[in-house]
Amino acid sequence: MLYQIASFLLDVLGGLFAGACLLRLYMQWQRVGFANPVGGLVFALTDWLVIPLRRVLVPVGRWDGASLVAALLLQLVQYFLLALMWADSAWTWLPWLALLGLMRVVVSGLTGLLIVHAVLSWVQGRSVLADMLARLSAPLLRPLRRVMPLVHGIDFTPLLALVLLQVLMIVLGHLQASVLR
């Protein structure tokens, strides 16, 4: 029971900070401005780790390696702390667990992004947040829109994307479990 509680709390904290680092990377890659409440939150959650890493890892074009390395380091720390509680330590697998954990954070983040984007597109008119979410969702939905046409004016591509992301989450969960065995 204690392990489950610790695992849950570390998952929440690790996911929050690693997700913020990945969102920072993705917003920079998509050239979405940070002069909004979401951008301010991302900076507040990530500056303490990304800024020192930037002294070593300078951004290359639109790719901010410091944000990616920060997210990976956070996941590595998360699984290191969990490994301290494991009875049979699988220390050699920590980098793989951290990488799979990072991929799960990406899938969770994209899932949340699509859900909020879909809900805001139904209930709210144009706003800064809705426009930003539309820009961040577009690269994920664009390829699916080529395959799935509108049905009576309704766009089902976010639903299809959510189903595919959940399938990917199941695969990643099984890969992570197989590494632990």
N, C-alpha and C. Protein backbone atom coordinates (compact mmCIF):
# COMPACT_ATOMS: atom_id res chain seq x y z
N MET A 1 0.82 -1.19 0.00
CA MET A 1 0.00 0.00 0.00
C MET A 1 0.87 1.26 0.00
N LEU A 2 1.92 1.28 0.83
CA LEU A 2 2.80 2.44 0.89
C LEU A 2 3.48 2.68 -0.45
N TYR A 3 3.87 1.57 -1.10
CA TYR A 3 4.51 1.71 -2.41
C TYR A 3 3.54 2.34 -3.43
N GLN A 4 2.27 1.94 -3.39
CA GLN A 4 1.28 2.50 -4.31
C GLN A 4 1.08 3.98 -4.07
N ILE A 5 1.03 4.39 -2.82
CA ILE A 5 0.86 5.81 -2.49
C ILE A 5 2.07 6.60 -2.96
N ALA A 6 3.26 6.10 -2.65
CA ALA A 6 4.49 6.79 -3.08
C ALA A 6 4.57 6.85 -4.60
N SER A 7 4.23 5.74 -5.25
CA SER A 7 4.26 5.70 -6.71
C SER A 7 3.29 6.71 -7.31
N PHE A 8 2.09 6.79 -6.73
CA PHE A 8 1.09 7.74 -7.21
C PHE A 8 1.58 9.19 -7.04
N LEU A 9 2.09 9.51 -5.84
CA LEU A 9 2.54 10.87 -5.59
C LEU A 9 3.73 11.25 -6.48
N LEU A 10 4.66 10.32 -6.65
CA LEU A 10 5.79 10.59 -7.54
C LEU A 10 5.34 10.73 -8.99
N ASP A 11 4.34 9.92 -9.37
CA ASP A 11 3.78 10.03 -10.72
C ASP A 11 3.16 11.41 -10.96
N VAL A 12 2.43 11.89 -9.96
CA VAL A 12 1.79 13.20 -10.09
C VAL A 12 2.85 14.30 -10.17
N LEU A 13 3.79 14.30 -9.24
CA LEU A 13 4.83 15.33 -9.24
C LEU A 13 5.74 15.23 -10.46
N GLY A 14 6.20 14.02 -10.75
CA GLY A 14 7.06 13.83 -11.91
C GLY A 14 6.34 14.18 -13.21
N GLY A 15 5.08 13.77 -13.31
CA GLY A 15 4.31 14.07 -14.51
C GLY A 15 4.06 15.55 -14.68
N LEU A 16 3.80 16.25 -13.57
CA LEU A 16 3.55 17.69 -13.63
C LEU A 16 4.78 18.44 -14.12
N PHE A 17 5.91 18.19 -13.49
CA PHE A 17 7.12 18.93 -13.86
C PHE A 17 7.70 18.48 -15.20
N ALA A 18 7.72 17.18 -15.45
CA ALA A 18 8.21 16.70 -16.74
C ALA A 18 7.27 17.14 -17.86
N GLY A 19 5.97 17.10 -17.60
CA GLY A 19 5.00 17.56 -18.59
C GLY A 19 5.16 19.04 -18.89
N ALA A 20 5.44 19.83 -17.87
CA ALA A 20 5.67 21.27 -18.08
C ALA A 20 6.93 21.49 -18.93
N CYS A 21 7.97 20.70 -18.69
CA CYS A 21 9.19 20.82 -19.51
C CYS A 21 8.90 20.44 -20.96
N LEU A 22 8.11 19.37 -21.15
CA LEU A 22 7.76 18.96 -22.51
C LEU A 22 6.84 19.97 -23.19
N LEU A 23 5.93 20.57 -22.42
CA LEU A 23 5.06 21.60 -22.98
C LEU A 23 5.88 22.81 -23.40
N ARG A 24 6.89 23.15 -22.61
CA ARG A 24 7.79 24.26 -22.95
C ARG A 24 8.49 23.96 -24.28
N LEU A 25 8.99 22.74 -24.42
CA LEU A 25 9.65 22.32 -25.65
C LEU A 25 8.69 22.38 -26.83
N TYR A 26 7.49 21.85 -26.64
CA TYR A 26 6.50 21.80 -27.72
C TYR A 26 6.01 23.19 -28.11
N MET A 27 5.80 24.06 -27.13
CA MET A 27 5.36 25.42 -27.44
C MET A 27 6.43 26.18 -28.21
N GLN A 28 7.69 25.96 -27.85
CA GLN A 28 8.78 26.61 -28.60
C GLN A 28 8.87 26.05 -30.00
N TRP A 29 8.71 24.74 -30.13
CA TRP A 29 8.77 24.11 -31.44
C TRP A 29 7.64 24.60 -32.35
N GLN A 30 6.45 24.79 -31.79
CA GLN A 30 5.30 25.27 -32.55
C GLN A 30 5.26 26.80 -32.65
N ARG A 31 6.23 27.46 -32.04
CA ARG A 31 6.31 28.93 -32.03
C ARG A 31 5.05 29.57 -31.45
N VAL A 32 4.59 28.98 -30.38
CA VAL A 32 3.45 29.52 -29.65
C VAL A 32 4.02 30.43 -28.57
N GLY A 33 3.52 31.65 -28.48
CA GLY A 33 4.04 32.62 -27.52
C GLY A 33 3.79 32.21 -26.08
N PHE A 34 4.64 32.69 -25.21
CA PHE A 34 4.53 32.40 -23.79
C PHE A 34 3.89 33.56 -23.02
N ALA A 35 3.41 34.59 -23.73
CA ALA A 35 2.82 35.76 -23.07
C ALA A 35 1.34 35.50 -22.79
N ASN A 36 1.07 34.43 -22.06
CA ASN A 36 -0.29 34.08 -21.67
C ASN A 36 -0.20 33.33 -20.34
N PRO A 37 -1.31 33.07 -19.69
CA PRO A 37 -1.25 32.40 -18.38
C PRO A 37 -0.58 31.01 -18.43
N VAL A 38 -0.80 30.27 -19.52
CA VAL A 38 -0.19 28.94 -19.63
C VAL A 38 1.31 29.07 -19.76
N GLY A 39 1.77 30.00 -20.59
CA GLY A 39 3.21 30.22 -20.75
C GLY A 39 3.87 30.64 -19.45
N GLY A 40 3.20 31.51 -18.70
CA GLY A 40 3.73 31.93 -17.40
C GLY A 40 3.84 30.76 -16.43
N LEU A 41 2.84 29.89 -16.43
CA LEU A 41 2.86 28.71 -15.57
C LEU A 41 3.99 27.76 -15.98
N VAL A 42 4.16 27.57 -17.28
CA VAL A 42 5.23 26.69 -17.77
C VAL A 42 6.59 27.22 -17.33
N PHE A 43 6.81 28.53 -17.48
CA PHE A 43 8.07 29.12 -17.04
C PHE A 43 8.26 28.96 -15.53
N ALA A 44 7.21 29.20 -14.77
CA ALA A 44 7.31 29.11 -13.31
C ALA A 44 7.66 27.69 -12.86
N LEU A 45 7.14 26.69 -13.55
CA LEU A 45 7.39 25.31 -13.16
C LEU A 45 8.72 24.76 -13.66
N THR A 46 9.30 25.38 -14.71
CA THR A 46 10.46 24.76 -15.35
C THR A 46 11.75 25.57 -15.30
N ASP A 47 11.67 26.86 -15.06
CA ASP A 47 12.88 27.69 -15.12
C ASP A 47 13.99 27.20 -14.18
N TRP A 48 13.63 26.72 -13.01
CA TRP A 48 14.63 26.29 -12.02
C TRP A 48 15.53 25.18 -12.54
N LEU A 49 15.04 24.39 -13.52
CA LEU A 49 15.83 23.29 -14.04
C LEU A 49 16.33 23.56 -15.46
N VAL A 50 15.50 24.18 -16.28
CA VAL A 50 15.86 24.38 -17.69
C VAL A 50 16.94 25.44 -17.84
N ILE A 51 16.85 26.54 -17.11
CA ILE A 51 17.84 27.63 -17.27
C ILE A 51 19.26 27.15 -16.96
N PRO A 52 19.51 26.43 -15.84
CA PRO A 52 20.88 25.94 -15.63
C PRO A 52 21.34 24.95 -16.71
N LEU A 53 20.41 24.13 -17.22
CA LEU A 53 20.78 23.18 -18.27
C LEU A 53 21.11 23.89 -19.58
N ARG A 54 20.52 25.05 -19.81
CA ARG A 54 20.80 25.80 -21.05
C ARG A 54 22.23 26.30 -21.12
N ARG A 55 22.89 26.39 -19.98
CA ARG A 55 24.31 26.79 -20.01
C ARG A 55 25.15 25.72 -20.68
N VAL A 56 24.68 24.48 -20.61
CA VAL A 56 25.40 23.36 -21.21
C VAL A 56 24.80 22.98 -22.56
N LEU A 57 23.48 22.98 -22.65
CA LEU A 57 22.77 22.57 -23.85
C LEU A 57 22.06 23.77 -24.47
N VAL A 58 22.69 24.39 -25.44
CA VAL A 58 22.08 25.55 -26.07
C VAL A 58 21.02 25.09 -27.07
N PRO A 59 19.94 25.85 -27.24
CA PRO A 59 18.92 25.48 -28.20
C PRO A 59 19.47 25.47 -29.63
N VAL A 60 19.00 24.51 -30.42
CA VAL A 60 19.39 24.41 -31.82
C VAL A 60 18.13 24.65 -32.64
N GLY A 61 18.05 25.82 -33.26
CA GLY A 61 16.84 26.17 -34.02
C GLY A 61 15.65 26.25 -33.09
N ARG A 62 14.61 25.50 -33.44
CA ARG A 62 13.41 25.48 -32.61
C ARG A 62 13.46 24.39 -31.54
N TRP A 63 14.53 23.61 -31.49
CA TRP A 63 14.62 22.51 -30.53
C TRP A 63 15.39 22.94 -29.29
N ASP A 64 14.74 22.85 -28.17
CA ASP A 64 15.33 23.20 -26.89
C ASP A 64 15.71 21.92 -26.17
N GLY A 65 16.95 21.49 -26.36
CA GLY A 65 17.42 20.25 -25.75
C GLY A 65 17.39 20.29 -24.24
N ALA A 66 17.56 21.47 -23.66
CA ALA A 66 17.55 21.59 -22.20
C ALA A 66 16.20 21.19 -21.62
N SER A 67 15.11 21.55 -22.28
CA SER A 67 13.78 21.18 -21.80
C SER A 67 13.57 19.67 -21.89
N LEU A 68 14.04 19.06 -22.96
CA LEU A 68 13.91 17.61 -23.13
C LEU A 68 14.75 16.87 -22.10
N VAL A 69 15.99 17.30 -21.91
CA VAL A 69 16.86 16.66 -20.92
C VAL A 69 16.30 16.86 -19.52
N ALA A 70 15.74 18.03 -19.24
CA ALA A 70 15.13 18.28 -17.93
C ALA A 70 13.99 17.31 -17.67
N ALA A 71 13.14 17.09 -18.66
CA ALA A 71 12.02 16.16 -18.50
C ALA A 71 12.54 14.74 -18.27
N LEU A 72 13.54 14.35 -19.02
CA LEU A 72 14.12 13.01 -18.85
C LEU A 72 14.77 12.86 -17.48
N LEU A 73 15.49 13.88 -17.02
CA LEU A 73 16.10 13.83 -15.69
C LEU A 73 15.05 13.71 -14.60
N LEU A 74 13.95 14.43 -14.74
CA LEU A 74 12.88 14.35 -13.75
C LEU A 74 12.29 12.94 -13.69
N GLN A 75 12.12 12.32 -14.86
CA GLN A 75 11.61 10.95 -14.88
C GLN A 75 12.64 9.98 -14.30
N LEU A 76 13.91 10.22 -14.56
CA LEU A 76 14.96 9.37 -14.01
C LEU A 76 14.98 9.45 -12.48
N VAL A 77 14.83 10.65 -11.95
CA VAL A 77 14.78 10.82 -10.50
C VAL A 77 13.54 10.12 -9.93
N GLN A 78 12.42 10.25 -10.62
CA GLN A 78 11.19 9.60 -10.16
C GLN A 78 11.39 8.09 -10.04
N TYR A 79 11.94 7.46 -11.09
CA TYR A 79 12.11 6.01 -11.06
C TYR A 79 13.26 5.59 -10.14
N PHE A 80 14.23 6.45 -9.94
CA PHE A 80 15.28 6.16 -8.96
C PHE A 80 14.69 6.10 -7.56
N LEU A 81 13.84 7.07 -7.24
CA LEU A 81 13.20 7.08 -5.92
C LEU A 81 12.30 5.85 -5.73
N LEU A 82 11.62 5.45 -6.79
CA LEU A 82 10.80 4.24 -6.69
C LEU A 82 11.67 3.01 -6.56
N ALA A 83 12.81 3.00 -7.24
CA ALA A 83 13.72 1.85 -7.17
C ALA A 83 14.28 1.66 -5.77
N LEU A 84 14.38 2.73 -5.02
CA LEU A 84 14.85 2.60 -3.64
C LEU A 84 13.88 1.77 -2.80
N MET A 85 12.62 1.72 -3.21
CA MET A 85 11.61 0.96 -2.47
C MET A 85 11.39 -0.45 -3.01
N TRP A 86 11.95 -0.74 -4.20
CA TRP A 86 11.77 -2.07 -4.78
C TRP A 86 12.55 -3.09 -3.98
N ALA A 87 11.98 -4.25 -3.83
CA ALA A 87 12.68 -5.33 -3.12
C ALA A 87 13.85 -5.84 -3.96
N ASP A 88 13.60 -6.14 -5.21
CA ASP A 88 14.67 -6.58 -6.11
C ASP A 88 15.02 -5.43 -7.03
N SER A 89 16.07 -4.76 -6.74
CA SER A 89 16.46 -3.55 -7.47
C SER A 89 16.82 -3.88 -8.91
N ALA A 90 16.18 -3.20 -9.82
CA ALA A 90 16.45 -3.34 -11.26
C ALA A 90 17.14 -2.06 -11.72
N TRP A 91 18.27 -1.76 -11.10
CA TRP A 91 18.95 -0.49 -11.35
C TRP A 91 19.36 -0.33 -12.81
N THR A 92 19.71 -1.41 -13.46
CA THR A 92 20.17 -1.30 -14.84
C THR A 92 19.05 -0.88 -15.78
N TRP A 93 17.82 -1.09 -15.36
CA TRP A 93 16.67 -0.75 -16.21
C TRP A 93 16.16 0.67 -15.98
N LEU A 94 16.75 1.41 -15.06
CA LEU A 94 16.26 2.76 -14.75
C LEU A 94 16.20 3.67 -15.97
N PRO A 95 17.23 3.72 -16.83
CA PRO A 95 17.11 4.60 -18.01
C PRO A 95 15.93 4.22 -18.91
N TRP A 96 15.70 2.92 -19.08
CA TRP A 96 14.57 2.49 -19.92
C TRP A 96 13.23 2.84 -19.27
N LEU A 97 13.15 2.63 -17.98
CA LEU A 97 11.92 3.00 -17.27
C LEU A 97 11.66 4.49 -17.37
N ALA A 98 12.72 5.30 -17.24
CA ALA A 98 12.57 6.75 -17.34
C ALA A 98 12.14 7.15 -18.74
N LEU A 99 12.71 6.51 -19.76
CA LEU A 99 12.33 6.82 -21.14
C LEU A 99 10.88 6.44 -21.42
N LEU A 100 10.48 5.25 -20.97
CA LEU A 100 9.09 4.83 -21.14
C LEU A 100 8.15 5.74 -20.33
N GLY A 101 8.58 6.12 -19.12
CA GLY A 101 7.78 7.05 -18.32
C GLY A 101 7.62 8.39 -19.01
N LEU A 102 8.70 8.87 -19.64
CA LEU A 102 8.64 10.13 -20.38
C LEU A 102 7.66 10.02 -21.55
N MET A 103 7.69 8.88 -22.23
CA MET A 103 6.76 8.68 -23.34
C MET A 103 5.32 8.64 -22.84
N ARG A 104 5.11 8.08 -21.67
CA ARG A 104 3.76 8.07 -21.08
C ARG A 104 3.31 9.48 -20.71
N VAL A 105 4.24 10.30 -20.23
CA VAL A 105 3.91 11.71 -19.93
C VAL A 105 3.51 12.43 -21.22
N VAL A 106 4.23 12.16 -22.31
CA VAL A 106 3.89 12.76 -23.61
C VAL A 106 2.47 12.37 -24.01
N VAL A 107 2.16 11.08 -23.94
CA VAL A 107 0.83 10.61 -24.34
C VAL A 107 -0.24 11.20 -23.43
N SER A 108 0.01 11.25 -22.13
CA SER A 108 -0.96 11.85 -21.20
C SER A 108 -1.16 13.33 -21.50
N GLY A 109 -0.07 14.03 -21.77
CA GLY A 109 -0.17 15.45 -22.10
C GLY A 109 -0.95 15.71 -23.37
N LEU A 110 -0.68 14.90 -24.39
CA LEU A 110 -1.42 15.06 -25.64
C LEU A 110 -2.89 14.72 -25.46
N THR A 111 -3.17 13.73 -24.64
CA THR A 111 -4.57 13.37 -24.35
C THR A 111 -5.29 14.54 -23.68
N GLY A 112 -4.66 15.10 -22.66
CA GLY A 112 -5.25 16.26 -21.98
C GLY A 112 -5.43 17.43 -22.91
N LEU A 113 -4.43 17.68 -23.73
CA LEU A 113 -4.49 18.78 -24.71
C LEU A 113 -5.67 18.61 -25.65
N LEU A 114 -5.85 17.41 -26.17
CA LEU A 114 -6.96 17.16 -27.10
C LEU A 114 -8.32 17.27 -26.42
N ILE A 115 -8.42 16.79 -25.20
CA ILE A 115 -9.71 16.87 -24.49
C ILE A 115 -10.08 18.32 -24.23
N VAL A 116 -9.14 19.10 -23.71
CA VAL A 116 -9.43 20.51 -23.42
C VAL A 116 -9.72 21.27 -24.73
N HIS A 117 -8.95 20.98 -25.77
CA HIS A 117 -9.19 21.63 -27.07
C HIS A 117 -10.60 21.32 -27.58
N ALA A 118 -10.99 20.04 -27.51
CA ALA A 118 -12.32 19.66 -27.99
C ALA A 118 -13.43 20.33 -27.19
N VAL A 119 -13.29 20.32 -25.86
CA VAL A 119 -14.33 20.93 -25.02
C VAL A 119 -14.42 22.43 -25.29
N LEU A 120 -13.27 23.10 -25.36
CA LEU A 120 -13.31 24.55 -25.62
C LEU A 120 -13.85 24.87 -27.01
N SER A 121 -13.63 23.99 -27.96
CA SER A 121 -14.16 24.26 -29.30
C SER A 121 -15.69 24.13 -29.33
N TRP A 122 -16.24 23.38 -28.39
CA TRP A 122 -17.70 23.21 -28.34
C TRP A 122 -18.38 24.34 -27.59
N VAL A 123 -17.77 24.81 -26.50
CA VAL A 123 -18.49 25.71 -25.59
C VAL A 123 -18.05 27.16 -25.64
N GLN A 124 -16.88 27.44 -26.14
CA GLN A 124 -16.37 28.80 -26.02
C GLN A 124 -16.05 29.36 -27.41
N GLY A 125 -16.23 30.64 -27.53
CA GLY A 125 -15.85 31.32 -28.77
C GLY A 125 -14.34 31.49 -28.82
N ARG A 126 -13.92 32.42 -29.59
CA ARG A 126 -12.49 32.66 -29.74
C ARG A 126 -11.91 33.26 -28.46
N SER A 127 -10.80 32.68 -28.03
CA SER A 127 -10.07 33.22 -26.89
C SER A 127 -8.59 32.90 -27.09
N VAL A 128 -7.75 33.53 -26.32
CA VAL A 128 -6.31 33.30 -26.43
C VAL A 128 -5.99 31.84 -26.13
N LEU A 129 -6.62 31.29 -25.09
CA LEU A 129 -6.37 29.90 -24.71
C LEU A 129 -6.85 28.94 -25.79
N ALA A 130 -8.04 29.17 -26.33
CA ALA A 130 -8.58 28.28 -27.36
C ALA A 130 -7.71 28.34 -28.62
N ASP A 131 -7.25 29.53 -29.00
CA ASP A 131 -6.38 29.64 -30.17
C ASP A 131 -5.06 28.91 -29.95
N MET A 132 -4.49 29.06 -28.75
CA MET A 132 -3.23 28.40 -28.44
C MET A 132 -3.40 26.88 -28.48
N LEU A 133 -4.47 26.37 -27.90
CA LEU A 133 -4.72 24.92 -27.91
C LEU A 133 -4.96 24.41 -29.33
N ALA A 134 -5.62 25.20 -30.15
CA ALA A 134 -5.84 24.80 -31.54
C ALA A 134 -4.51 24.69 -32.27
N ARG A 135 -3.61 25.63 -32.04
CA ARG A 135 -2.29 25.58 -32.68
C ARG A 135 -1.48 24.40 -32.20
N LEU A 136 -1.59 24.07 -30.92
CA LEU A 136 -0.84 22.94 -30.39
C LEU A 136 -1.44 21.60 -30.81
N SER A 137 -2.74 21.55 -31.03
CA SER A 137 -3.41 20.32 -31.43
C SER A 137 -3.29 20.05 -32.93
N ALA A 138 -3.13 21.08 -33.72
CA ALA A 138 -3.15 20.95 -35.18
C ALA A 138 -2.16 19.92 -35.73
N PRO A 139 -0.89 19.89 -35.29
CA PRO A 139 0.03 18.90 -35.86
C PRO A 139 -0.39 17.45 -35.60
N LEU A 140 -1.08 17.20 -34.51
CA LEU A 140 -1.54 15.86 -34.20
C LEU A 140 -2.79 15.50 -35.01
N LEU A 141 -3.66 16.48 -35.22
CA LEU A 141 -4.93 16.21 -35.90
C LEU A 141 -4.84 16.28 -37.42
N ARG A 142 -3.89 17.05 -37.94
CA ARG A 142 -3.78 17.26 -39.39
C ARG A 142 -3.68 15.95 -40.18
N PRO A 143 -2.79 15.01 -39.80
CA PRO A 143 -2.73 13.77 -40.58
C PRO A 143 -4.01 12.94 -40.50
N LEU A 144 -4.68 12.99 -39.36
CA LEU A 144 -5.92 12.23 -39.20
C LEU A 144 -7.05 12.84 -40.02
N ARG A 145 -7.02 14.15 -40.20
CA ARG A 145 -8.07 14.82 -40.98
C ARG A 145 -7.99 14.44 -42.46
N ARG A 146 -6.81 14.05 -42.91
CA ARG A 146 -6.67 13.58 -44.30
C ARG A 146 -7.35 12.23 -44.49
N VAL A 147 -7.41 11.44 -43.43
CA VAL A 147 -7.97 10.10 -43.50
C VAL A 147 -9.46 10.09 -43.16
N MET A 148 -9.85 10.89 -42.18
CA MET A 148 -11.23 10.87 -41.70
C MET A 148 -11.93 12.18 -42.07
N PRO A 149 -12.92 12.10 -42.97
CA PRO A 149 -13.64 13.31 -43.36
C PRO A 149 -14.64 13.75 -42.28
N LEU A 150 -15.14 14.96 -42.44
CA LEU A 150 -16.20 15.45 -41.55
C LEU A 150 -17.46 14.62 -41.78
N VAL A 151 -18.20 14.37 -40.71
CA VAL A 151 -19.46 13.65 -40.80
C VAL A 151 -20.56 14.63 -40.45
N HIS A 152 -21.30 15.09 -41.47
CA HIS A 152 -22.35 16.09 -41.28
C HIS A 152 -21.82 17.32 -40.55
N GLY A 153 -20.61 17.73 -40.92
CA GLY A 153 -20.02 18.93 -40.34
C GLY A 153 -19.37 18.74 -38.98
N ILE A 154 -19.33 17.51 -38.49
CA ILE A 154 -18.72 17.24 -37.19
C ILE A 154 -17.36 16.58 -37.40
N ASP A 155 -16.37 17.10 -36.70
CA ASP A 155 -15.00 16.61 -36.81
C ASP A 155 -14.75 15.56 -35.73
N PHE A 156 -14.60 14.31 -36.15
CA PHE A 156 -14.35 13.22 -35.22
C PHE A 156 -12.86 12.89 -35.06
N THR A 157 -11.98 13.69 -35.67
CA THR A 157 -10.56 13.39 -35.57
C THR A 157 -10.03 13.49 -34.14
N PRO A 158 -10.51 14.42 -33.28
CA PRO A 158 -10.02 14.37 -31.89
C PRO A 158 -10.38 13.05 -31.19
N LEU A 159 -11.55 12.51 -31.47
CA LEU A 159 -11.95 11.24 -30.88
C LEU A 159 -11.04 10.11 -31.37
N LEU A 160 -10.77 10.09 -32.67
CA LEU A 160 -9.88 9.08 -33.23
C LEU A 160 -8.48 9.22 -32.62
N ALA A 161 -8.00 10.45 -32.48
CA ALA A 161 -6.68 10.68 -31.89
C ALA A 161 -6.66 10.19 -30.44
N LEU A 162 -7.72 10.44 -29.69
CA LEU A 162 -7.79 9.98 -28.30
C LEU A 162 -7.78 8.46 -28.21
N VAL A 163 -8.47 7.80 -29.11
CA VAL A 163 -8.47 6.33 -29.12
C VAL A 163 -7.06 5.81 -29.41
N LEU A 164 -6.41 6.39 -30.42
CA LEU A 164 -5.04 5.97 -30.77
C LEU A 164 -4.07 6.24 -29.63
N LEU A 165 -4.22 7.37 -28.95
CA LEU A 165 -3.34 7.68 -27.82
C LEU A 165 -3.56 6.71 -26.67
N GLN A 166 -4.80 6.30 -26.44
CA GLN A 166 -5.07 5.33 -25.38
C GLN A 166 -4.48 3.96 -25.71
N VAL A 167 -4.54 3.57 -26.98
CA VAL A 167 -3.91 2.32 -27.40
C VAL A 167 -2.40 2.41 -27.16
N LEU A 168 -1.81 3.53 -27.51
CA LEU A 168 -0.38 3.73 -27.29
C LEU A 168 -0.05 3.69 -25.79
N MET A 169 -0.91 4.26 -24.97
CA MET A 169 -0.70 4.24 -23.52
C MET A 169 -0.73 2.81 -22.98
N ILE A 170 -1.62 1.99 -23.51
CA ILE A 170 -1.69 0.59 -23.09
C ILE A 170 -0.40 -0.14 -23.48
N VAL A 171 0.07 0.09 -24.70
CA VAL A 171 1.32 -0.54 -25.15
C VAL A 171 2.49 -0.10 -24.27
N LEU A 172 2.59 1.20 -23.99
CA LEU A 172 3.68 1.69 -23.14
C LEU A 172 3.59 1.12 -21.73
N GLY A 173 2.38 1.00 -21.20
CA GLY A 173 2.21 0.41 -19.87
C GLY A 173 2.68 -1.03 -19.82
N HIS A 174 2.36 -1.81 -20.87
CA HIS A 174 2.81 -3.20 -20.92
C HIS A 174 4.32 -3.29 -21.11
N LEU A 175 4.89 -2.39 -21.90
CA LEU A 175 6.35 -2.38 -22.05
C LEU A 175 7.02 -2.07 -20.72
N GLN A 176 6.49 -1.10 -20.01
CA GLN A 176 7.05 -0.72 -18.73
C GLN A 176 6.92 -1.88 -17.73
N ALA A 177 5.79 -2.55 -17.73
CA ALA A 177 5.60 -3.68 -16.82
C ALA A 177 6.53 -4.83 -17.17
N SER A 178 6.76 -5.05 -18.46
CA SER A 178 7.66 -6.14 -18.86
C SER A 178 9.11 -5.85 -18.47
N VAL A 179 9.49 -4.58 -18.45
CA VAL A 179 10.84 -4.21 -18.02
C VAL A 179 11.00 -4.50 -16.52
N LEU A 180 9.95 -4.28 -15.75
CA LEU A 180 10.01 -4.49 -14.31
C LEU A 180 10.02 -5.95 -13.92
N ARG A 181 9.57 -6.84 -14.81
CA ARG A 181 9.53 -8.27 -14.47
C ARG A 181 10.88 -8.89 -14.58
